[in-house]
Protein backbone atom coordinates (compact mmCIF):
# COMPACT_ATOMS: atom_id res chain seq x y z
CA UNK A 1 -32.73 -29.70 26.98
CA UNK A 2 -31.11 -32.38 25.97
CA UNK A 3 -28.09 -32.84 28.84
CA UNK A 4 -27.17 -30.86 31.81
CA UNK A 5 -23.13 -30.71 31.70
CA UNK A 6 -22.98 -28.62 34.99
CA UNK A 7 -24.49 -25.70 36.70
CA UNK A 8 -23.42 -23.38 33.51
CA UNK A 9 -23.32 -25.71 30.61
CA UNK A 10 -26.18 -27.41 29.24
CA UNK A 11 -26.64 -29.12 25.72
CA UNK A 12 -29.98 -28.29 23.49
CA UNK A 13 -31.51 -27.78 20.34
CA UNK A 14 -32.11 -24.85 18.52
CA UNK A 15 -35.49 -23.58 17.32
CA UNK A 16 -34.59 -25.51 13.47
CA UNK A 17 -34.01 -28.73 15.53
CA UNK A 18 -30.04 -28.03 15.35
CA UNK A 19 -28.06 -29.40 18.27
CA UNK A 20 -25.93 -26.80 20.27
CA UNK A 21 -23.97 -26.40 23.52
CA UNK A 22 -25.30 -23.55 25.57
CA UNK A 23 -23.22 -21.25 28.11
CA UNK A 24 -24.82 -19.23 30.92
CA UNK A 25 -24.42 -18.69 34.62
CA UNK A 26 -26.39 -21.13 36.77
CA UNK A 27 -28.37 -22.08 33.44
CA UNK A 28 -28.04 -26.15 34.47
CA UNK A 29 -28.72 -25.54 38.17
CA UNK A 30 -31.35 -27.91 39.34
CA UNK A 31 -32.07 -28.43 35.54
CA UNK A 32 -33.18 -31.93 33.66
CA UNK A 33 -33.33 -33.51 30.49
CA UNK A 34 -36.53 -32.16 28.86
CA UNK A 35 -36.75 -28.72 30.43
CA UNK A 36 -36.65 -25.47 28.63
CA UNK A 37 -33.70 -23.05 28.08
CA UNK A 38 -34.54 -19.53 29.35
CA UNK A 39 -33.33 -17.42 26.54
CA UNK A 40 -32.46 -14.66 29.24
CA UNK A 41 -29.87 -17.19 30.96
CA UNK A 42 -27.95 -17.87 27.77
CA UNK A 43 -24.36 -16.17 27.76
CA UNK A 44 -22.80 -18.03 24.41
CA UNK A 45 -24.20 -20.79 22.02
CA UNK A 46 -21.79 -23.00 20.75
CA UNK A 47 -22.64 -23.99 17.15
CA UNK A 48 -20.18 -26.63 15.70
CA UNK A 49 -20.08 -27.28 11.91
CA UNK A 50 -21.78 -30.62 11.71
CA UNK A 51 -23.94 -32.77 13.60
CA UNK A 52 -21.08 -35.28 13.76
CA UNK A 53 -18.73 -32.73 15.59
CA UNK A 54 -21.53 -31.45 17.66
CA UNK A 55 -21.93 -35.53 18.72
CA UNK A 56 -18.40 -35.31 19.53
CA UNK A 57 -18.13 -32.43 21.66
CA UNK A 58 -21.46 -33.63 23.77
CA UNK A 59 -19.61 -37.01 24.12
CA UNK A 60 -16.47 -35.36 25.23
CA UNK A 61 -18.14 -33.08 27.91
CA UNK A 62 -19.94 -36.51 29.42
CA UNK A 63 -16.15 -37.93 29.82
CA UNK A 64 -14.02 -35.01 31.18
CA UNK A 65 -14.50 -32.53 34.40
CA UNK A 66 -16.85 -29.65 33.02
CA UNK A 67 -14.13 -26.97 34.33
CA UNK A 68 -11.95 -28.42 31.88
CA UNK A 69 -14.02 -27.17 28.83
CA UNK A 70 -14.99 -23.84 30.85
CA UNK A 71 -10.93 -23.43 30.76
CA UNK A 72 -10.70 -23.79 27.39
CA UNK A 73 -13.56 -21.74 26.16
CA UNK A 74 -11.63 -18.91 28.00
CA UNK A 75 -8.22 -19.79 26.37
CA UNK A 76 -10.05 -20.18 22.52
CA UNK A 77 -11.66 -16.84 23.33
CA UNK A 78 -8.55 -15.40 24.42
CA UNK A 79 -6.65 -16.49 21.28
CA UNK A 80 -9.50 -15.02 19.10
CA UNK A 81 -8.80 -11.53 20.65
CA UNK A 82 -5.03 -11.78 20.43
CA UNK A 83 -4.95 -12.98 16.85
CA UNK A 84 -8.03 -10.75 15.83
CA UNK A 85 -9.35 -13.88 13.79
CA UNK A 86 -12.04 -16.39 14.31
CA UNK A 87 -10.98 -20.18 14.95
CA UNK A 88 -12.26 -23.45 13.29
CA UNK A 89 -15.16 -24.42 15.61
CA UNK A 90 -13.74 -28.01 15.68
CA UNK A 91 -10.97 -26.56 18.53
CA UNK A 92 -13.56 -26.64 20.99
CA UNK A 93 -13.05 -30.34 20.73
CA UNK A 94 -9.30 -31.00 19.64
CA UNK A 95 -7.85 -28.30 22.19
CA UNK A 96 -10.42 -29.50 25.11
CA UNK A 97 -9.37 -33.03 24.56
CA UNK A 98 -5.74 -32.34 24.32
CA UNK A 99 -5.63 -30.07 27.52
CA UNK A 100 -7.72 -32.35 29.87
CA UNK A 101 -5.55 -35.46 28.73
CA UNK A 102 -2.42 -33.38 29.37
CA UNK A 103 -3.87 -32.29 33.21
CA UNK A 104 -4.72 -35.85 33.83
CA UNK A 105 -1.03 -37.02 32.45
CA UNK A 106 0.17 -34.04 34.49
CA UNK A 107 -1.27 -35.73 37.45
CA UNK A 108 0.07 -39.08 37.00
CA UNK A 109 3.64 -37.27 36.37
CA UNK A 110 3.64 -38.47 32.58
CA UNK A 111 4.79 -35.62 30.19
CA UNK A 112 5.29 -35.79 26.67
CA UNK A 113 8.31 -33.93 24.99
CA UNK A 114 7.64 -31.72 21.92
CA UNK A 115 10.22 -32.70 19.43
CA UNK A 116 9.12 -29.57 17.37
CA UNK A 117 9.12 -26.84 20.18
CA UNK A 118 11.93 -25.18 18.54
CA UNK A 119 10.16 -25.19 15.26
CA UNK A 120 7.12 -23.65 16.80
CA UNK A 121 8.21 -20.85 18.76
CA UNK A 122 10.25 -19.89 15.73
CA UNK A 123 7.78 -20.63 12.81
CA UNK A 124 4.46 -19.93 14.99
CA UNK A 125 5.78 -17.20 17.63
CA UNK A 126 2.45 -15.22 17.95
CA UNK A 127 0.66 -18.89 18.59
CA UNK A 128 3.27 -19.93 20.69
CA UNK A 129 2.60 -16.86 22.84
CA UNK A 130 -1.05 -17.52 23.07
CA UNK A 131 0.06 -21.21 24.12
CA UNK A 132 1.87 -19.87 26.83
CA UNK A 133 -0.96 -17.37 28.19
CA UNK A 134 -3.21 -20.52 28.01
CA UNK A 135 -0.60 -22.07 30.53
CA UNK A 136 -1.58 -19.21 32.66
CA UNK A 137 -5.03 -19.54 32.56
CA UNK A 138 -5.20 -23.29 33.10
CA UNK A 139 -2.87 -22.72 36.25
CA UNK A 140 -5.23 -19.99 37.50
CA UNK A 141 -8.28 -21.54 36.94
CA UNK A 142 -7.12 -25.61 37.56
CA UNK A 143 -4.16 -25.09 39.67
CA UNK A 144 -1.68 -27.38 37.68
CA UNK A 145 0.99 -25.72 35.83
CA UNK A 146 1.69 -27.47 32.51
CA UNK A 147 5.11 -27.24 30.72
CA UNK A 148 6.44 -25.63 27.88
CA UNK A 149 6.36 -28.37 25.58
CA UNK A 150 2.55 -28.17 26.23
CA UNK A 151 2.65 -24.51 25.25
CA UNK A 152 3.91 -25.59 21.56
CA UNK A 153 1.50 -28.28 21.33
CA UNK A 154 -1.38 -25.96 22.31
CA UNK A 155 0.18 -23.55 19.38
CA UNK A 156 -0.35 -26.21 17.05
CA UNK A 157 -3.99 -26.70 18.11
CA UNK A 158 -4.03 -22.83 17.21
CA UNK A 159 -2.65 -23.19 13.89
CA UNK A 160 -4.61 -25.87 12.81
CA UNK A 161 -7.88 -24.51 13.86
CA UNK A 162 -6.87 -21.39 11.88
CA UNK A 163 -5.72 -23.22 8.22
CA UNK A 164 -9.04 -25.78 9.40
CA UNK A 165 -6.12 -28.72 9.16
CA UNK A 166 -5.33 -31.71 10.92
CA UNK A 167 -2.63 -32.10 13.54
CA UNK A 168 -0.56 -34.76 11.41
CA UNK A 169 -0.67 -32.32 8.34
CA UNK A 170 0.41 -29.35 10.61
CA UNK A 171 3.22 -31.09 12.35
CA UNK A 172 4.35 -32.36 8.61
CA UNK A 173 4.25 -28.72 7.43
CA UNK A 174 6.31 -27.54 10.31
CA UNK A 175 8.83 -30.43 9.82
CA UNK A 176 9.01 -29.42 6.14
CA UNK A 177 9.67 -25.48 7.02
CA UNK A 178 12.47 -26.81 8.96
CA UNK A 179 14.17 -29.04 6.24
CA UNK A 180 13.98 -26.05 3.83
CA UNK A 181 15.20 -23.56 6.12
CA UNK A 182 18.12 -26.02 6.79
CA UNK A 183 18.61 -26.53 2.98
CA UNK A 184 18.88 -22.95 2.28
CA UNK A 185 21.59 -22.31 5.17
CA UNK A 186 23.76 -25.05 3.77
CA UNK A 187 23.46 -24.03 -0.06
CA UNK A 188 24.06 -20.60 0.29
CA UNK A 189 26.46 -20.79 3.40
CA UNK A 190 24.58 -18.24 5.46
CA UNK A 191 22.51 -17.75 8.51
CA UNK A 192 19.59 -16.32 8.37
CA UNK A 193 18.53 -13.50 10.18
CA UNK A 194 14.91 -14.37 12.09
CA UNK A 195 14.45 -10.40 12.86
CA UNK A 196 14.59 -9.55 9.01
CA UNK A 197 11.79 -8.53 7.09
CA UNK A 198 12.95 -10.84 4.30
CA UNK A 199 12.92 -14.03 6.63
CA UNK A 200 9.62 -12.95 7.80
CA UNK A 201 8.32 -12.76 4.31
CA UNK A 202 10.37 -16.40 3.54
CA UNK A 203 8.97 -17.89 6.21
CA UNK A 204 5.40 -16.76 5.29
CA UNK A 205 5.53 -17.94 1.76
CA UNK A 206 6.82 -21.28 3.28
CA UNK A 207 3.73 -21.68 5.40
CA UNK A 208 1.23 -21.29 2.46
CA UNK A 209 3.71 -23.04 0.30
CA UNK A 210 3.19 -26.04 2.77
CA UNK A 211 -0.52 -25.80 3.18
CA UNK A 212 -0.96 -25.68 -0.78
CA UNK A 213 1.01 -29.18 -0.86
CA UNK A 214 -1.16 -30.44 1.77
CA UNK A 215 -4.22 -29.40 -0.12
CA UNK A 216 -3.26 -30.25 -3.54
CA UNK A 217 -3.53 -26.77 -4.69
CA UNK A 218 -1.03 -24.74 -6.55
CA UNK A 219 0.11 -21.30 -6.51
CA UNK A 220 -1.10 -18.57 -9.24
CA UNK A 221 -0.54 -19.94 -13.13
CA UNK A 222 2.32 -18.52 -14.43
CA UNK A 223 3.63 -17.81 -18.32
CA UNK A 224 6.01 -20.84 -19.43
CA UNK A 225 8.23 -18.08 -20.94
CA UNK A 226 8.37 -16.35 -17.38
CA UNK A 227 9.17 -19.75 -16.04
CA UNK A 228 11.79 -20.24 -18.43
CA UNK A 229 13.25 -16.21 -17.81
CA UNK A 230 13.44 -16.96 -14.10
CA UNK A 231 15.24 -20.17 -14.59
CA UNK A 232 17.50 -18.48 -16.53
CA UNK A 233 18.08 -15.32 -15.14
CA UNK A 234 18.46 -16.94 -11.25
CA UNK A 235 20.08 -19.89 -12.02
CA UNK A 236 21.87 -20.47 -8.69
CA UNK A 237 18.69 -19.74 -6.75
CA UNK A 238 16.31 -21.86 -9.06
CA UNK A 239 18.71 -24.92 -8.72
CA UNK A 240 18.29 -23.97 -5.14
CA UNK A 241 14.52 -24.87 -5.57
CA UNK A 242 15.27 -27.75 -7.72
CA UNK A 243 17.32 -29.25 -4.47
CA UNK A 244 14.09 -28.44 -2.33
CA UNK A 245 11.50 -29.97 -4.64
CA UNK A 246 13.83 -32.79 -4.63
CA UNK A 247 14.11 -32.99 -0.97
CA UNK A 248 9.85 -32.50 -0.69
CA UNK A 249 9.46 -35.37 -3.42
CA UNK A 250 11.85 -37.91 -1.47
CA UNK A 251 10.78 -37.19 2.07
CA UNK A 252 7.05 -36.02 1.90
CA UNK A 253 5.87 -37.56 -1.31
CA UNK A 254 4.51 -34.29 -2.88
CA UNK A 255 4.81 -33.06 -6.69
CA UNK A 256 6.02 -29.29 -6.42
CA UNK A 257 4.62 -27.74 -9.64
CA UNK A 258 6.45 -25.41 -12.27
CA UNK A 259 4.98 -22.44 -10.64
CA UNK A 260 5.41 -23.37 -7.14
CA UNK A 261 9.31 -23.35 -8.29
CA UNK A 262 8.90 -19.89 -9.79
CA UNK A 263 7.62 -18.25 -6.26
CA UNK A 264 10.04 -20.81 -4.75
CA UNK A 265 13.35 -19.16 -6.74
CA UNK A 266 12.07 -15.67 -6.35
CA UNK A 267 11.77 -15.81 -2.71
CA UNK A 268 14.86 -17.55 -2.58
CA UNK A 269 16.60 -14.89 -4.53
CA UNK A 270 15.34 -12.31 -1.94
CA UNK A 271 16.58 -13.88 1.09
CA UNK A 272 20.14 -14.73 -0.73
CA UNK A 273 20.83 -11.18 -1.81
CA UNK A 274 19.56 -9.92 1.74
CA UNK A 275 21.97 -12.11 3.50
């Protein structure tokens, strides 16, 4: 045992010498550094992806009220259950740090406005629902009700943990998607039906498209002949894709490949015909 966080959480090492965080009812009660962790008392072990992350989590646990971490572990487990997905282990650091800071700010009557709240609600609806449920857990366990803006911030942390990206990239992708949808509305002079399957497909494509841009990856390679055929056959939609490409290059300084232009044109064709 390396550190006792509270009665239910301790920092320890496994049989291979890797640092771990261990949770169990009463596992830290009347324990001190150097004592042995009884296996029968262990309910859950948290293993980070690197020694650096483990050290960060241990440092965080030494700085915040232990109930903040316990609350966040409940939230993360609930999210993984709701989404049926395993999240990046870094969320134990990032989300715990964010929520603990948000609670302290709330006590001081300092609240941040989430400028991307509308986009988060519409682009990441399931994650936002998880964020709202997280507010309920926080209120139940800690007696503090955070704002809807915080549900949006929590949703972004969940998105990050699914993609294993940084917060600034996720926020940029969210802004990028909003900009593209605005271009589509103006270009085709239509209102997009957010309840339609075509809209959902297009939104999904844009999310993956944004991820590829920020990870410097490209879509599946296409035949140049196929590219030219798409460009000629769907020239109106391809021109919209060119407007989007120029917007991305000018605003976000990312290049859009010819292969991405093909995929974007096909999705634009589908959604423009549907509307």
